[in-house]
Amino acid sequence: MRDVLPRLLHHIARSQEPLVLFGVACAVSVAALSEWLGFSSEVGAFLAGVSLAPTAYRDALGARLVSLRDFLLLFFFLDLGARLDFSNAGQQITEDASSPCSCSSAIRSSSS
């Protein structure tokens, strides 16, 4: 792999678009392979990034993938917010409002 990847990237990197497409395809395919082997897909994507990092095209890949990363980060936070459970949030708010704050009573007792 150490000899094949630089030669392959040299031919792919003649244009920026195939290089970016190869980087994304490499990450997705190694992530799918690692999930098939029983590991998480994050581990596979990390290994794909580690395999592409020592190449001469890492700066070009990194610069081109920043906009894609920022775009996908939006969906990460949307998914995270969609998974939050607010079913008992109203009950917790009313309980907190009706119970005296232990912090304010501790401050009053120490100042006396």
PDB file of N, CA and C in Angstrom:
ATOM      1  N   MET A   1       0.831  -1.199   0.000  1.00  0.00           N
ATOM      2  CA  MET A   1       0.000   0.000   0.000  1.00  0.00           C
ATOM      3  C   MET A   1       0.866   1.250   0.000  1.00  0.00           C
ATOM      4  N   ARG A   2       2.021   1.149   0.639  1.00  0.00           N
ATOM      5  CA  ARG A   2       2.901   2.312   0.730  1.00  0.00           C
ATOM      6  C   ARG A   2       3.436   2.727  -0.635  1.00  0.00           C
ATOM      7  N   ASP A   3       3.604   1.773  -1.540  1.00  0.00           N
ATOM      8  CA  ASP A   3       4.106   2.091  -2.869  1.00  0.00           C
ATOM      9  C   ASP A   3       2.985   2.365  -3.868  1.00  0.00           C
ATOM     10  N   VAL A   4       1.851   1.761  -3.665  1.00  0.00           N
ATOM     11  CA  VAL A   4       0.755   1.870  -4.622  1.00  0.00           C
ATOM     12  C   VAL A   4       0.043   3.219  -4.498  1.00  0.00           C
ATOM     13  N   LEU A   5      -0.226   3.660  -3.292  1.00  0.00           N
ATOM     14  CA  LEU A   5      -1.003   4.877  -3.080  1.00  0.00           C
ATOM     15  C   LEU A   5      -0.346   6.133  -3.662  1.00  0.00           C
ATOM     16  N   PRO A   6       0.957   6.359  -3.476  1.00  0.00           N
ATOM     17  CA  PRO A   6       1.546   7.565  -4.093  1.00  0.00           C
ATOM     18  C   PRO A   6       1.502   7.545  -5.623  1.00  0.00           C
ATOM     19  N   ARG A   7       1.708   6.379  -6.221  1.00  0.00           N
ATOM     20  CA  ARG A   7       1.642   6.291  -7.687  1.00  0.00           C
ATOM     21  C   ARG A   7       0.226   6.536  -8.191  1.00  0.00           C
ATOM     22  N   LEU A   8      -0.733   5.955  -7.487  1.00  0.00           N
ATOM     23  CA  LEU A   8      -2.122   6.147  -7.871  1.00  0.00           C
ATOM     24  C   LEU A   8      -2.532   7.607  -7.713  1.00  0.00           C
ATOM     25  N   LEU A   9      -2.148   8.222  -6.622  1.00  0.00           N
ATOM     26  CA  LEU A   9      -2.486   9.628  -6.397  1.00  0.00           C
ATOM     27  C   LEU A   9      -1.809  10.553  -7.406  1.00  0.00           C
ATOM     28  N   HIS A  10      -0.624  10.188  -7.851  1.00  0.00           N
ATOM     29  CA  HIS A  10       0.062  11.005  -8.853  1.00  0.00           C
ATOM     30  C   HIS A  10      -0.753  11.068 -10.145  1.00  0.00           C
ATOM     31  N   HIS A  11      -1.362   9.962 -10.525  1.00  0.00           N
ATOM     32  CA  HIS A  11      -2.179   9.948 -11.740  1.00  0.00           C
ATOM     33  C   HIS A  11      -3.537  10.614 -11.510  1.00  0.00           C
ATOM     34  N   ILE A  12      -4.073  10.458 -10.331  1.00  0.00           N
ATOM     35  CA  ILE A  12      -5.381  11.044 -10.030  1.00  0.00           C
ATOM     36  C   ILE A  12      -5.278  12.553  -9.849  1.00  0.00           C
ATOM     37  N   ALA A  13      -4.158  13.037  -9.318  1.00  0.00           N
ATOM     38  CA  ALA A  13      -4.023  14.440  -8.926  1.00  0.00           C
ATOM     39  C   ALA A  13      -3.758  15.388 -10.088  1.00  0.00           C
ATOM     40  N   ARG A  14      -3.909  14.936 -11.294  1.00  0.00           N
ATOM     41  CA  ARG A  14      -3.742  15.849 -12.429  1.00  0.00           C
ATOM     42  C   ARG A  14      -4.810  16.935 -12.415  1.00  0.00           C
ATOM     43  N   SER A  15      -5.940  16.627 -11.847  1.00  0.00           N
ATOM     44  CA  SER A  15      -7.009  17.596 -11.654  1.00  0.00           C
ATOM     45  C   SER A  15      -7.480  17.500 -10.207  1.00  0.00           C
ATOM     46  N   GLN A  16      -7.984  18.598  -9.655  1.00  0.00           N
ATOM     47  CA  GLN A  16      -8.363  18.634  -8.248  1.00  0.00           C
ATOM     48  C   GLN A  16      -9.641  17.846  -7.955  1.00  0.00           C
ATOM     49  N   GLU A  17     -10.585  17.838  -8.883  1.00  0.00           N
ATOM     50  CA  GLU A  17     -11.863  17.179  -8.623  1.00  0.00           C
ATOM     51  C   GLU A  17     -11.713  15.674  -8.444  1.00  0.00           C
ATOM     52  N   PRO A  18     -10.976  14.962  -9.308  1.00  0.00           N
ATOM     53  CA  PRO A  18     -10.799  13.527  -9.056  1.00  0.00           C
ATOM     54  C   PRO A  18     -10.024  13.239  -7.768  1.00  0.00           C
ATOM     55  N   LEU A  19      -9.138  14.136  -7.389  1.00  0.00           N
ATOM     56  CA  LEU A  19      -8.392  13.948  -6.153  1.00  0.00           C
ATOM     57  C   LEU A  19      -9.321  14.020  -4.945  1.00  0.00           C
ATOM     58  N   VAL A  20     -10.220  14.990  -4.932  1.00  0.00           N
ATOM     59  CA  VAL A  20     -11.185  15.122  -3.836  1.00  0.00           C
ATOM     60  C   VAL A  20     -12.146  13.934  -3.842  1.00  0.00           C
ATOM     61  N   LEU A  21     -12.595  13.558  -5.015  1.00  0.00           N
ATOM     62  CA  LEU A  21     -13.492  12.412  -5.128  1.00  0.00           C
ATOM     63  C   LEU A  21     -12.813  11.136  -4.632  1.00  0.00           C
ATOM     64  N   PHE A  22     -11.542  10.966  -4.955  1.00  0.00           N
ATOM     65  CA  PHE A  22     -10.805   9.802  -4.476  1.00  0.00           C
ATOM     66  C   PHE A  22     -10.658   9.828  -2.956  1.00  0.00           C
ATOM     67  N   GLY A  23     -10.383  10.981  -2.385  1.00  0.00           N
ATOM     68  CA  GLY A  23     -10.244  11.080  -0.935  1.00  0.00           C
ATOM     69  C   GLY A  23     -11.527  10.722  -0.210  1.00  0.00           C
ATOM     70  N   VAL A  24     -12.644  11.224  -0.706  1.00  0.00           N
ATOM     71  CA  VAL A  24     -13.938  10.911  -0.091  1.00  0.00           C
ATOM     72  C   VAL A  24     -14.281   9.436  -0.300  1.00  0.00           C
ATOM     73  N   ALA A  25     -14.041   8.925  -1.501  1.00  0.00           N
ATOM     74  CA  ALA A  25     -14.332   7.518  -1.781  1.00  0.00           C
ATOM     75  C   ALA A  25     -13.454   6.591  -0.947  1.00  0.00           C
ATOM     76  N   CYS A  26     -12.213   6.981  -0.740  1.00  0.00           N
ATOM     77  CA  CYS A  26     -11.319   6.176   0.092  1.00  0.00           C
ATOM     78  C   CYS A  26     -11.816   6.141   1.529  1.00  0.00           C
ATOM     79  N   ALA A  27     -12.219   7.277   2.059  1.00  0.00           N
ATOM     80  CA  ALA A  27     -12.720   7.326   3.436  1.00  0.00           C
ATOM     81  C   ALA A  27     -14.000   6.517   3.590  1.00  0.00           C
ATOM     82  N   VAL A  28     -14.903   6.635   2.646  1.00  0.00           N
ATOM     83  CA  VAL A  28     -16.176   5.912   2.737  1.00  0.00           C
ATOM     84  C   VAL A  28     -15.959   4.414   2.572  1.00  0.00           C
ATOM     85  N   SER A  29     -15.110   4.023   1.636  1.00  0.00           N
ATOM     86  CA  SER A  29     -14.912   2.597   1.408  1.00  0.00           C
ATOM     87  C   SER A  29     -14.173   1.926   2.565  1.00  0.00           C
ATOM     88  N   VAL A  30     -13.166   2.572   3.121  1.00  0.00           N
ATOM     89  CA  VAL A  30     -12.467   1.987   4.268  1.00  0.00           C
ATOM     90  C   VAL A  30     -13.372   1.985   5.500  1.00  0.00           C
ATOM     91  N   ALA A  31     -14.229   2.998   5.632  1.00  0.00           N
ATOM     92  CA  ALA A  31     -15.191   3.016   6.739  1.00  0.00           C
ATOM     93  C   ALA A  31     -16.187   1.864   6.599  1.00  0.00           C
ATOM     94  N   ALA A  32     -16.665   1.611   5.398  1.00  0.00           N
ATOM     95  CA  ALA A  32     -17.590   0.495   5.180  1.00  0.00           C
ATOM     96  C   ALA A  32     -16.903  -0.842   5.412  1.00  0.00           C
ATOM     97  N   LEU A  33     -15.661  -0.947   4.993  1.00  0.00           N
ATOM     98  CA  LEU A  33     -14.909  -2.184   5.217  1.00  0.00           C
ATOM     99  C   LEU A  33     -14.689  -2.434   6.707  1.00  0.00           C
ATOM    100  N   SER A  34     -14.355  -1.394   7.435  1.00  0.00           N
ATOM    101  CA  SER A  34     -14.132  -1.589   8.866  1.00  0.00           C
ATOM    102  C   SER A  34     -15.429  -1.933   9.592  1.00  0.00           C
ATOM    103  N   GLU A  35     -16.543  -1.356   9.150  1.00  0.00           N
ATOM    104  CA  GLU A  35     -17.828  -1.714   9.759  1.00  0.00           C
ATOM    105  C   GLU A  35     -18.190  -3.157   9.428  1.00  0.00           C
ATOM    106  N   TRP A  36     -17.881  -3.605   8.235  1.00  0.00           N
ATOM    107  CA  TRP A  36     -18.129  -4.987   7.851  1.00  0.00           C
ATOM    108  C   TRP A  36     -17.279  -5.945   8.681  1.00  0.00           C
ATOM    109  N   LEU A  37     -16.080  -5.502   9.061  1.00  0.00           N
ATOM    110  CA  LEU A  37     -15.200  -6.326   9.888  1.00  0.00           C
ATOM    111  C   LEU A  37     -15.566  -6.285  11.371  1.00  0.00           C
ATOM    112  N   GLY A  38     -16.521  -5.444  11.743  1.00  0.00           N
ATOM    113  CA  GLY A  38     -16.973  -5.401  13.124  1.00  0.00           C
ATOM    114  C   GLY A  38     -16.480  -4.194  13.906  1.00  0.00           C
ATOM    115  N   PHE A  39     -15.730  -3.325  13.275  1.00  0.00           N
ATOM    116  CA  PHE A  39     -15.282  -2.098  13.922  1.00  0.00           C
ATOM    117  C   PHE A  39     -16.256  -0.979  13.582  1.00  0.00           C
ATOM    118  N   SER A  40     -16.081   0.172  14.196  1.00  0.00           N
ATOM    119  CA  SER A  40     -16.963   1.289  13.863  1.00  0.00           C
ATOM    120  C   SER A  40     -16.503   1.939  12.557  1.00  0.00           C
ATOM    121  N   SER A  41     -17.430   2.626  11.919  1.00  0.00           N
ATOM    122  CA  SER A  41     -17.091   3.297  10.662  1.00  0.00           C
ATOM    123  C   SER A  41     -16.150   4.469  10.900  1.00  0.00           C
ATOM    124  N   GLU A  42     -16.196   5.051  12.100  1.00  0.00           N
ATOM    125  CA  GLU A  42     -15.288   6.145  12.428  1.00  0.00           C
ATOM    126  C   GLU A  42     -13.841   5.679  12.433  1.00  0.00           C
ATOM    127  N   VAL A  43     -13.613   4.461  12.915  1.00  0.00           N
ATOM    128  CA  VAL A  43     -12.252   3.906  12.918  1.00  0.00           C
ATOM    129  C   VAL A  43     -11.758   3.730  11.487  1.00  0.00           C
ATOM    130  N   GLY A  44     -12.629   3.264  10.615  1.00  0.00           N
ATOM    131  CA  GLY A  44     -12.250   3.095   9.215  1.00  0.00           C
ATOM    132  C   GLY A  44     -11.938   4.406   8.527  1.00  0.00           C
ATOM    133  N   ALA A  45     -12.747   5.419   8.776  1.00  0.00           N
ATOM    134  CA  ALA A  45     -12.485   6.730   8.179  1.00  0.00           C
ATOM    135  C   ALA A  45     -11.190   7.313   8.721  1.00  0.00           C
ATOM    136  N   PHE A  46     -10.935   7.086  10.009  1.00  0.00           N
ATOM    137  CA  PHE A  46      -9.677   7.546  10.597  1.00  0.00           C
ATOM    138  C   PHE A  46      -8.488   6.846   9.946  1.00  0.00           C
ATOM    139  N   LEU A  47      -8.593   5.539   9.729  1.00  0.00           N
ATOM    140  CA  LEU A  47      -7.503   4.808   9.077  1.00  0.00           C
ATOM    141  C   LEU A  47      -7.297   5.268   7.636  1.00  0.00           C
ATOM    142  N   ALA A  48      -8.373   5.619   6.957  1.00  0.00           N
ATOM    143  CA  ALA A  48      -8.225   6.149   5.596  1.00  0.00           C
ATOM    144  C   ALA A  48      -7.499   7.483   5.624  1.00  0.00           C
ATOM    145  N   GLY A  49      -7.818   8.326   6.601  1.00  0.00           N
ATOM    146  CA  GLY A  49      -7.116   9.604   6.732  1.00  0.00           C
ATOM    147  C   GLY A  49      -5.655   9.420   7.067  1.00  0.00           C
ATOM    148  N   VAL A  50      -5.373   8.439   7.912  1.00  0.00           N
ATOM    149  CA  VAL A  50      -3.975   8.157   8.270  1.00  0.00           C
ATOM    150  C   VAL A  50      -3.215   7.635   7.059  1.00  0.00           C
ATOM    151  N   SER A  51      -3.862   6.858   6.222  1.00  0.00           N
ATOM    152  CA  SER A  51      -3.173   6.345   5.037  1.00  0.00           C
ATOM    153  C   SER A  51      -2.940   7.436   3.990  1.00  0.00           C
ATOM    154  N   LEU A  52      -3.802   8.452   3.945  1.00  0.00           N
ATOM    155  CA  LEU A  52      -3.616   9.543   2.982  1.00  0.00           C
ATOM    156  C   LEU A  52      -2.715  10.657   3.510  1.00  0.00           C
ATOM    157  N   ALA A  53      -2.489  10.703   4.815  1.00  0.00           N
ATOM    158  CA  ALA A  53      -1.714  11.799   5.414  1.00  0.00           C
ATOM    159  C   ALA A  53      -0.258  11.854   4.964  1.00  0.00           C
ATOM    160  N   PRO A  54       0.455  10.756   4.804  1.00  0.00           N
ATOM    161  CA  PRO A  54       1.863  10.889   4.409  1.00  0.00           C
ATOM    162  C   PRO A  54       2.092  11.172   2.927  1.00  0.00           C
ATOM    163  N   THR A  55       1.041  11.259   2.141  1.00  0.00           N
ATOM    164  CA  THR A  55       1.222  11.504   0.717  1.00  0.00           C
ATOM    165  C   THR A  55       1.547  12.975   0.462  1.00  0.00           C
ATOM    166  N   ALA A  56       2.019  13.253  -0.715  1.00  0.00           N
ATOM    167  CA  ALA A  56       2.388  14.622  -1.085  1.00  0.00           C
ATOM    168  C   ALA A  56       1.159  15.491  -1.337  1.00  0.00           C
ATOM    169  N   TYR A  57      -0.008  14.882  -1.424  1.00  0.00           N
ATOM    170  CA  TYR A  57      -1.228  15.621  -1.769  1.00  0.00           C
ATOM    171  C   TYR A  57      -2.107  15.885  -0.556  1.00  0.00           C
ATOM    172  N   ARG A  58      -1.577  15.715   0.636  1.00  0.00           N
ATOM    173  CA  ARG A  58      -2.398  15.896   1.828  1.00  0.00           C
ATOM    174  C   ARG A  58      -2.858  17.351   1.989  1.00  0.00           C
ATOM    175  N   ASP A  59      -2.021  18.313   1.640  1.00  0.00           N
ATOM    176  CA  ASP A  59      -2.416  19.717   1.762  1.00  0.00           C
ATOM    177  C   ASP A  59      -3.512  20.075   0.754  1.00  0.00           C
ATOM    178  N   ALA A  60      -3.395  19.547  -0.451  1.00  0.00           N
ATOM    179  CA  ALA A  60      -4.419  19.805  -1.463  1.00  0.00           C
ATOM    180  C   ALA A  60      -5.737  19.158  -1.059  1.00  0.00           C
ATOM    181  N   LEU A  61      -5.677  17.946  -0.539  1.00  0.00           N
ATOM    182  CA  LEU A  61      -6.894  17.280  -0.078  1.00  0.00           C
ATOM    183  C   LEU A  61      -7.510  18.017   1.109  1.00  0.00           C
ATOM    184  N   GLY A  62      -6.673  18.402   2.054  1.00  0.00           N
ATOM    185  CA  GLY A  62      -7.171  19.107   3.231  1.00  0.00           C
ATOM    186  C   GLY A  62      -7.810  20.438   2.886  1.00  0.00           C
ATOM    187  N   ALA A  63      -7.199  21.167   1.968  1.00  0.00           N
ATOM    188  CA  ALA A  63      -7.747  22.472   1.586  1.00  0.00           C
ATOM    189  C   ALA A  63      -9.078  22.328   0.859  1.00  0.00           C
ATOM    190  N   ARG A  64      -9.201  21.294   0.038  1.00  0.00           N
ATOM    191  CA  ARG A  64     -10.432  21.120  -0.724  1.00  0.00           C
ATOM    192  C   ARG A  64     -11.565  20.511   0.113  1.00  0.00           C
ATOM    193  N   LEU A  65     -11.218  19.769   1.164  1.00  0.00           N
ATOM    194  CA  LEU A  65     -12.242  19.100   1.957  1.00  0.00           C
ATOM    195  C   LEU A  65     -12.759  19.944   3.118  1.00  0.00           C
ATOM    196  N   VAL A  66     -12.185  21.115   3.344  1.00  0.00           N
ATOM    197  CA  VAL A  66     -12.636  21.971   4.451  1.00  0.00           C
ATOM    198  C   VAL A  66     -14.085  22.397   4.238  1.00  0.00           C
ATOM    199  N   SER A  67     -14.449  22.780   3.031  1.00  0.00           N
ATOM    200  CA  SER A  67     -15.827  23.214   2.781  1.00  0.00           C
ATOM    201  C   SER A  67     -16.803  22.050   2.933  1.00  0.00           C
ATOM    202  N   LEU A  68     -16.406  20.865   2.519  1.00  0.00           N
ATOM    203  CA  LEU A  68     -17.258  19.691   2.697  1.00  0.00           C
ATOM    204  C   LEU A  68     -17.416  19.361   4.175  1.00  0.00           C
ATOM    205  N   ARG A  69     -16.332  19.474   4.932  1.00  0.00           N
ATOM    206  CA  ARG A  69     -16.390  19.229   6.377  1.00  0.00           C
ATOM    207  C   ARG A  69     -17.332  20.215   7.057  1.00  0.00           C
ATOM    208  N   ASP A  70     -17.235  21.483   6.696  1.00  0.00           N
ATOM    209  CA  ASP A  70     -18.102  22.490   7.299  1.00  0.00           C
ATOM    210  C   ASP A  70     -19.568  22.254   6.951  1.00  0.00           C
ATOM    211  N   PHE A  71     -19.823  21.812   5.727  1.00  0.00           N
ATOM    212  CA  PHE A  71     -21.196  21.530   5.309  1.00  0.00           C
ATOM    213  C   PHE A  71     -21.756  20.329   6.073  1.00  0.00           C
ATOM    214  N   LEU A  72     -20.975  19.270   6.214  1.00  0.00           N
ATOM    215  CA  LEU A  72     -21.449  18.081   6.912  1.00  0.00           C
ATOM    216  C   LEU A  72     -21.539  18.289   8.415  1.00  0.00           C
ATOM    217  N   LEU A  73     -20.799  19.245   8.942  1.00  0.00           N
ATOM    218  CA  LEU A  73     -20.875  19.562  10.364  1.00  0.00           C
ATOM    219  C   LEU A  73     -22.263  20.085  10.725  1.00  0.00           C
ATOM    220  N   LEU A  74     -22.896  20.777   9.807  1.00  0.00           N
ATOM    221  CA  LEU A  74     -24.265  21.242  10.008  1.00  0.00           C
ATOM    222  C   LEU A  74     -25.194  20.066  10.264  1.00  0.00           C
ATOM    223  N   PHE A  75     -25.076  19.020   9.463  1.00  0.00           N
ATOM    224  CA  PHE A  75     -25.939  17.855   9.635  1.00  0.00           C
ATOM    225  C   PHE A  75     -25.623  17.087  10.911  1.00  0.00           C
ATOM    226  N   PHE A  76     -24.378  17.114  11.329  1.00  0.00           N
ATOM    227  CA  PHE A  76     -24.015  16.480  12.600  1.00  0.00           C
ATOM    228  C   PHE A  76     -24.763  17.148  13.753  1.00  0.00           C
ATOM    229  N   PHE A  77     -24.756  18.470  13.798  1.00  0.00           N
ATOM    230  CA  PHE A  77     -25.421  19.163  14.894  1.00  0.00           C
ATOM    231  C   PHE A  77     -26.947  19.084  14.773  1.00  0.00           C
ATOM    232  N   LEU A  78     -27.465  19.040  13.559  1.00  0.00           N
ATOM    233  CA  LEU A  78     -28.901  18.834  13.401  1.00  0.00           C
ATOM    234  C   LEU A  78     -29.315  17.464  13.923  1.00  0.00           C
ATOM    235  N   ASP A  79     -28.543  16.445  13.617  1.00  0.00           N
ATOM    236  CA  ASP A  79     -28.825  15.100  14.108  1.00  0.00           C
ATOM    237  C   ASP A  79     -28.697  15.039  15.625  1.00  0.00           C
ATOM    238  N   LEU A  80     -27.691  15.687  16.156  1.00  0.00           N
ATOM    239  CA  LEU A  80     -27.499  15.715  17.603  1.00  0.00           C
ATOM    240  C   LEU A  80     -28.675  16.397  18.289  1.00  0.00           C
ATOM    241  N   GLY A  81     -29.138  17.500  17.749  1.00  0.00           N
ATOM    242  CA  GLY A  81     -30.283  18.188  18.324  1.00  0.00           C
ATOM    243  C   GLY A  81     -31.569  17.392  18.185  1.00  0.00           C
ATOM    244  N   ALA A  82     -31.703  16.641  17.113  1.00  0.00           N
ATOM    245  CA  ALA A  82     -32.906  15.837  16.917  1.00  0.00           C
ATOM    246  C   ALA A  82     -32.971  14.670  17.897  1.00  0.00           C
ATOM    247  N   ARG A  83     -31.857  14.243  18.396  1.00  0.00           N
ATOM    248  CA  ARG A  83     -31.832  13.122  19.342  1.00  0.00           C
ATOM    249  C   ARG A  83     -32.046  13.545  20.789  1.00  0.00           C
ATOM    250  N   LEU A  84     -32.065  14.838  21.076  1.00  0.00           N
ATOM    251  CA  LEU A  84     -32.282  15.295  22.444  1.00  0.00           C
ATOM    252  C   LEU A  84     -33.704  14.983  22.874  1.00  0.00           C
ATOM    253  N   ASP A  85     -33.863  14.639  24.149  1.00  0.00           N
ATOM    254  CA  ASP A  85     -35.163  14.275  24.679  1.00  0.00           C
ATOM    255  C   ASP A  85     -35.658  15.374  25.605  1.00  0.00           C
ATOM    256  N   PHE A  86     -36.676  16.099  25.161  1.00  0.00           N
ATOM    257  CA  PHE A  86     -37.245  17.186  25.945  1.00  0.00           C
ATOM    258  C   PHE A  86     -38.583  16.796  26.573  1.00  0.00           C
ATOM    259  N   SER A  87     -38.848  15.511  26.683  1.00  0.00           N
ATOM    260  CA  SER A  87     -40.162  15.079  27.165  1.00  0.00           C
ATOM    261  C   SER A  87     -40.418  15.486  28.606  1.00  0.00           C
ATOM    262  N   ASN A  88     -39.414  15.519  29.446  1.00  0.00           N
ATOM    263  CA  ASN A  88     -39.627  15.903  30.841  1.00  0.00           C
ATOM    264  C   ASN A  88     -38.925  17.214  31.195  1.00  0.00           C
ATOM    265  N   ALA A  89     -38.637  18.031  30.209  1.00  0.00           N
ATOM    266  CA  ALA A  89     -37.955  19.298  30.468  1.00  0.00           C
ATOM    267  C   ALA A  89     -38.853  20.270  31.232  1.00  0.00           C
ATOM    268  N   GLY A  90     -40.146  20.314  30.915  1.00  0.00           N
ATOM    269  CA  GLY A  90     -41.066  21.199  31.620  1.00  0.00           C
ATOM    270  C   GLY A  90     -41.187  20.826  33.088  1.00  0.00           C
ATOM    271  N   GLN A  91     -41.215  19.541  33.377  1.00  0.00           N
ATOM    272  CA  GLN A  91     -41.299  19.085  34.766  1.00  0.00           C
ATOM    273  C   GLN A  91     -40.043  19.475  35.538  1.00  0.00           C
ATOM    274  N   GLN A  92     -38.898  19.349  34.919  1.00  0.00           N
ATOM    275  CA  GLN A  92     -37.649  19.712  35.588  1.00  0.00           C
ATOM    276  C   GLN A  92     -37.574  21.210  35.846  1.00  0.00           C
ATOM    277  N   ILE A  93     -38.072  22.013  34.927  1.00  0.00           N
ATOM    278  CA  ILE A  93     -38.034  23.469  35.094  1.00  0.00           C
ATOM    279  C   ILE A  93     -38.929  23.891  36.249  1.00  0.00           C
ATOM    280  N   THR A  94     -40.135  23.307  36.328  1.00  0.00           N
ATOM    281  CA  THR A  94     -41.032  23.676  37.428  1.00  0.00           C
ATOM    282  C   THR A  94     -40.505  23.193  38.768  1.00  0.00           C
ATOM    283  N   GLU A  95     -39.845  22.037  38.809  1.00  0.00           N
ATOM    284  CA  GLU A  95     -39.252  21.554  40.060  1.00  0.00           C
ATOM    285  C   GLU A  95     -38.118  22.461  40.506  1.00  0.00           C
ATOM    286  N   ASP A  96     -37.305  22.897  39.576  1.00  0.00           N
ATOM    287  CA  ASP A  96     -36.189  23.786  39.916  1.00  0.00           C
ATOM    288  C   ASP A  96     -36.687  25.153  40.368  1.00  0.00           C
ATOM    289  N   ALA A  97     -37.770  25.619  39.795  1.00  0.00           N
ATOM    290  CA  ALA A  97     -38.298  26.930  40.172  1.00  0.00           C
ATOM    291  C   ALA A  97     -38.962  26.892  41.551  1.00  0.00           C
ATOM    292  N   SER A  98     -39.575  25.773  41.902  1.00  0.00           N
ATOM    293  CA  SER A  98     -40.271  25.695  43.185  1.00  0.00           C
ATOM    294  C   SER A  98     -39.348  25.354  44.346  1.00  0.00           C
ATOM    295  N   SER A  99     -38.230  24.722  44.098  1.00  0.00           N
ATOM    296  CA  SER A  99     -37.319  24.373  45.197  1.00  0.00           C
ATOM    297  C   SER A  99     -36.338  25.518  45.435  1.00  0.00           C
ATOM    298  N   PRO A 100     -36.046  25.778  46.713  1.00  0.00           N
ATOM    299  CA  PRO A 100     -35.086  26.860  47.001  1.00  0.00           C
ATOM    300  C   PRO A 100     -33.686  26.457  46.561  1.00  0.00           C
ATOM    301  N   CYS A 101     -32.954  27.431  46.127  1.00  0.00           N
ATOM    302  CA  CYS A 101     -31.591  27.174  45.659  1.00  0.00           C
ATOM    303  C   CYS A 101     -30.671  26.989  46.855  1.00  0.00           C
ATOM    304  N   SER A 102     -29.964  25.895  46.861  1.00  0.00           N
ATOM    305  CA  SER A 102     -29.054  25.628  47.982  1.00  0.00           C
ATOM    306  C   SER A 102     -27.858  26.566  47.947  1.00  0.00           C
ATOM    307  N   CYS A 103     -27.560  27.095  46.785  1.00  0.00           N
ATOM    308  CA  CYS A 103     -26.419  28.009  46.685  1.00  0.00           C
ATOM    309  C   CYS A 103     -26.719  29.320  47.396  1.00  0.00           C
ATOM    310  N   SER A 104     -27.928  29.865  47.209  1.00  0.00           N
ATOM    311  CA  SER A 104     -28.241  31.149  47.836  1.00  0.00           C
ATOM    312  C   SER A 104     -28.373  31.006  49.347  1.00  0.00           C
ATOM    313  N   SER A 105     -28.878  29.853  49.840  1.00  0.00           N
ATOM    314  CA  SER A 105     -28.960  29.668  51.286  1.00  0.00           C
ATOM    315  C   SER A 105     -27.581  29.472  51.889  1.00  0.00           C
ATOM    316  N   ALA A 106     -26.672  28.868  51.149  1.00  0.00           N
ATOM    317  CA  ALA A 106     -25.304  28.699  51.646  1.00  0.00           C
ATOM    318  C   ALA A 106     -24.595  30.033  51.697  1.00  0.00           C
ATOM    319  N   ILE A 107     -24.891  30.921  50.776  1.00  0.00           N
ATOM    320  CA  ILE A 107     -24.263  32.238  50.775  1.00  0.00           C
ATOM    321  C   ILE A 107     -24.797  33.060  51.936  1.00  0.00           C
ATOM    322  N   ARG A 108     -26.113  32.984  52.219  1.00  0.00           N
ATOM    323  CA  ARG A 108     -26.679  33.732  53.336  1.00  0.00           C
ATOM    324  C   ARG A 108     -26.139  33.251  54.678  1.00  0.00           C
ATOM    325  N   SER A 109     -25.954  31.948  54.832  1.00  0.00           N
ATOM    326  CA  SER A 109     -25.486  31.426  56.107  1.00  0.00           C
ATOM    327  C   SER A 109     -24.012  31.765  56.345  1.00  0.00           C
ATOM    328  N   SER A 110     -23.217  31.865  55.296  1.00  0.00           N
ATOM    329  CA  SER A 110     -21.807  32.171  55.479  1.00  0.00           C
ATOM    330  C   SER A 110     -21.578  33.659  55.732  1.00  0.00           C
ATOM    331  N   SER A 111     -22.491  34.517  55.246  1.00  0.00           N
ATOM    332  CA  SER A 111     -22.307  35.951  55.455  1.00  0.00           C
ATOM    333  C   SER A 111     -22.789  36.394  56.826  1.00  0.00           C
ATOM    334  N   SER A 112     -23.560  35.577  57.556  1.00  0.00           N
ATOM    335  CA  SER A 112     -24.069  35.969  58.879  1.00  0.00           C
ATOM    336  C   SER A 112     -23.053  35.849  59.958  1.00  0.00           C
TER     337      SER A 112
END
